[in-house]
Amino acid sequence: MVVRRPGVIRHWLYVGLRVGHSVVHLTWNHVWHRFTLFVVSNLTLLVIWVLLIELLLERVA
């Protein structure tokens, strides 16, 4: 399996956003900042899943 740089960056972006969400939650806990990080991290995760499913369907076909 080949590790592609954009994939690795995307995964670390997700991790960083989740850490940011936790930091906001544990420090000043401003709901809109926390919500924004939550939404962006979930959109990032959605992109990761869609690309993974696309890759798996390419291999099956």
N, C-alpha and C. Protein backbone atom coordinates (compact mmCIF):
# COMPACT_ATOMS: atom_id res chain seq x y z
N MET A 1 0.84 -1.17 0.00
CA MET A 1 0.00 0.00 0.00
C MET A 1 0.89 1.24 0.00
N VAL A 2 0.57 2.17 -0.87
CA VAL A 2 1.35 3.39 -1.00
C VAL A 2 0.71 4.47 -0.14
N VAL A 3 1.54 5.15 0.65
CA VAL A 3 1.05 6.25 1.47
C VAL A 3 1.18 7.52 0.65
N ARG A 4 0.05 8.18 0.45
CA ARG A 4 0.05 9.41 -0.33
C ARG A 4 0.09 10.61 0.61
N ARG A 5 0.91 11.58 0.27
CA ARG A 5 1.10 12.75 1.13
C ARG A 5 -0.20 13.49 1.42
N PRO A 6 -1.08 13.77 0.42
CA PRO A 6 -2.33 14.47 0.75
C PRO A 6 -3.18 13.70 1.76
N GLY A 7 -3.15 12.37 1.68
CA GLY A 7 -3.92 11.57 2.63
C GLY A 7 -3.39 11.71 4.04
N VAL A 8 -2.08 11.69 4.17
CA VAL A 8 -1.47 11.84 5.50
C VAL A 8 -1.77 13.22 6.06
N ILE A 9 -1.66 14.24 5.23
CA ILE A 9 -1.96 15.61 5.67
C ILE A 9 -3.42 15.71 6.11
N ARG A 10 -4.31 15.09 5.34
CA ARG A 10 -5.74 15.13 5.67
C ARG A 10 -6.02 14.46 7.02
N HIS A 11 -5.35 13.33 7.27
CA HIS A 11 -5.56 12.63 8.53
C HIS A 11 -5.02 13.43 9.71
N TRP A 12 -3.85 14.04 9.55
CA TRP A 12 -3.30 14.86 10.63
C TRP A 12 -4.13 16.13 10.83
N LEU A 13 -4.71 16.65 9.76
CA LEU A 13 -5.60 17.79 9.88
C LEU A 13 -6.79 17.42 10.77
N TYR A 14 -7.35 16.24 10.54
CA TYR A 14 -8.46 15.77 11.37
C TYR A 14 -8.04 15.67 12.84
N VAL A 15 -6.88 15.08 13.08
CA VAL A 15 -6.39 14.95 14.46
C VAL A 15 -6.19 16.33 15.09
N GLY A 16 -5.60 17.24 14.36
CA GLY A 16 -5.37 18.59 14.88
C GLY A 16 -6.67 19.31 15.20
N LEU A 17 -7.67 19.14 14.35
CA LEU A 17 -8.96 19.77 14.61
C LEU A 17 -9.63 19.19 15.85
N ARG A 18 -9.50 17.88 16.04
CA ARG A 18 -10.09 17.26 17.23
C ARG A 18 -9.35 17.70 18.50
N VAL A 19 -8.03 17.83 18.40
CA VAL A 19 -7.26 18.34 19.54
C VAL A 19 -7.68 19.78 19.84
N GLY A 20 -7.83 20.58 18.77
CA GLY A 20 -8.29 21.95 18.96
C GLY A 20 -9.65 22.01 19.62
N HIS A 21 -10.54 21.13 19.21
CA HIS A 21 -11.87 21.04 19.82
C HIS A 21 -11.75 20.75 21.31
N SER A 22 -10.87 19.82 21.66
CA SER A 22 -10.67 19.48 23.07
C SER A 22 -10.07 20.64 23.85
N VAL A 23 -9.12 21.34 23.25
CA VAL A 23 -8.49 22.47 23.92
C VAL A 23 -9.53 23.55 24.20
N VAL A 24 -10.36 23.85 23.20
CA VAL A 24 -11.41 24.86 23.41
C VAL A 24 -12.36 24.39 24.51
N HIS A 25 -12.72 23.13 24.48
CA HIS A 25 -13.64 22.59 25.49
C HIS A 25 -13.06 22.69 26.90
N LEU A 26 -11.77 22.43 27.01
CA LEU A 26 -11.15 22.41 28.34
C LEU A 26 -10.69 23.77 28.85
N THR A 27 -10.62 24.77 27.97
CA THR A 27 -10.14 26.08 28.41
C THR A 27 -11.30 27.07 28.46
N TRP A 28 -11.47 27.88 27.44
CA TRP A 28 -12.48 28.94 27.51
C TRP A 28 -13.88 28.47 27.13
N ASN A 29 -14.02 27.33 26.46
CA ASN A 29 -15.30 26.69 26.17
C ASN A 29 -16.31 27.62 25.50
N HIS A 30 -15.85 28.36 24.51
CA HIS A 30 -16.76 29.19 23.72
C HIS A 30 -17.47 28.27 22.73
N VAL A 31 -18.80 28.20 22.83
CA VAL A 31 -19.56 27.19 22.09
C VAL A 31 -19.40 27.35 20.59
N TRP A 32 -19.40 28.56 20.06
CA TRP A 32 -19.30 28.72 18.61
C TRP A 32 -17.93 28.31 18.08
N HIS A 33 -16.88 28.58 18.82
CA HIS A 33 -15.55 28.12 18.40
C HIS A 33 -15.49 26.60 18.41
N ARG A 34 -16.01 26.03 19.48
CA ARG A 34 -16.01 24.57 19.61
C ARG A 34 -16.86 23.93 18.52
N PHE A 35 -18.03 24.50 18.25
CA PHE A 35 -18.92 23.98 17.22
C PHE A 35 -18.27 24.06 15.84
N THR A 36 -17.60 25.17 15.56
CA THR A 36 -16.93 25.32 14.27
C THR A 36 -15.86 24.26 14.09
N LEU A 37 -15.05 24.03 15.10
CA LEU A 37 -14.03 22.98 15.02
C LEU A 37 -14.66 21.61 14.85
N PHE A 38 -15.77 21.38 15.54
CA PHE A 38 -16.48 20.10 15.44
C PHE A 38 -16.98 19.88 14.02
N VAL A 39 -17.61 20.89 13.43
CA VAL A 39 -18.16 20.75 12.07
C VAL A 39 -17.05 20.55 11.06
N VAL A 40 -16.00 21.35 11.14
CA VAL A 40 -14.90 21.22 10.18
C VAL A 40 -14.21 19.87 10.32
N SER A 41 -14.03 19.39 11.54
CA SER A 41 -13.40 18.08 11.72
C SER A 41 -14.28 16.97 11.17
N ASN A 42 -15.59 17.09 11.36
CA ASN A 42 -16.48 16.06 10.81
C ASN A 42 -16.55 16.09 9.29
N LEU A 43 -16.48 17.28 8.70
CA LEU A 43 -16.41 17.36 7.24
C LEU A 43 -15.11 16.74 6.72
N THR A 44 -14.02 16.98 7.44
CA THR A 44 -12.75 16.36 7.08
C THR A 44 -12.84 14.84 7.15
N LEU A 45 -13.46 14.34 8.21
CA LEU A 45 -13.64 12.90 8.36
C LEU A 45 -14.53 12.34 7.25
N LEU A 46 -15.57 13.08 6.87
CA LEU A 46 -16.43 12.65 5.78
C LEU A 46 -15.65 12.52 4.48
N VAL A 47 -14.79 13.49 4.21
CA VAL A 47 -13.95 13.44 3.00
C VAL A 47 -13.03 12.22 3.05
N ILE A 48 -12.44 11.95 4.20
CA ILE A 48 -11.57 10.78 4.35
C ILE A 48 -12.33 9.51 4.03
N TRP A 49 -13.54 9.36 4.57
CA TRP A 49 -14.35 8.16 4.33
C TRP A 49 -14.75 8.04 2.86
N VAL A 50 -15.18 9.14 2.26
CA VAL A 50 -15.59 9.10 0.85
C VAL A 50 -14.42 8.68 -0.03
N LEU A 51 -13.24 9.24 0.21
CA LEU A 51 -12.07 8.87 -0.59
C LEU A 51 -11.66 7.43 -0.35
N LEU A 52 -11.81 6.94 0.88
CA LEU A 52 -11.50 5.54 1.16
C LEU A 52 -12.45 4.61 0.43
N ILE A 53 -13.74 4.90 0.48
CA ILE A 53 -14.72 4.08 -0.22
C ILE A 53 -14.47 4.11 -1.73
N GLU A 54 -14.15 5.28 -2.26
CA GLU A 54 -13.83 5.39 -3.68
C GLU A 54 -12.62 4.54 -4.05
N LEU A 55 -11.60 4.57 -3.23
CA LEU A 55 -10.40 3.77 -3.47
C LEU A 55 -10.72 2.28 -3.43
N LEU A 56 -11.53 1.85 -2.46
CA LEU A 56 -11.88 0.44 -2.35
C LEU A 56 -12.74 -0.01 -3.54
N LEU A 57 -13.65 0.85 -3.99
CA LEU A 57 -14.47 0.48 -5.15
C LEU A 57 -13.66 0.40 -6.43
N GLU A 58 -12.63 1.23 -6.55
CA GLU A 58 -11.72 1.14 -7.71
C GLU A 58 -10.98 -0.18 -7.72
N ARG A 59 -10.58 -0.64 -6.55
CA ARG A 59 -9.83 -1.90 -6.48
C ARG A 59 -10.71 -3.10 -6.78
N VAL A 60 -11.98 -3.02 -6.44
CA VAL A 60 -12.90 -4.13 -6.70
C VAL A 60 -13.21 -4.23 -8.19
N ALA A 61 -13.36 -3.09 -8.83
CA ALA A 61 -13.74 -3.06 -10.25
C ALA A 61 -12.59 -3.43 -11.16
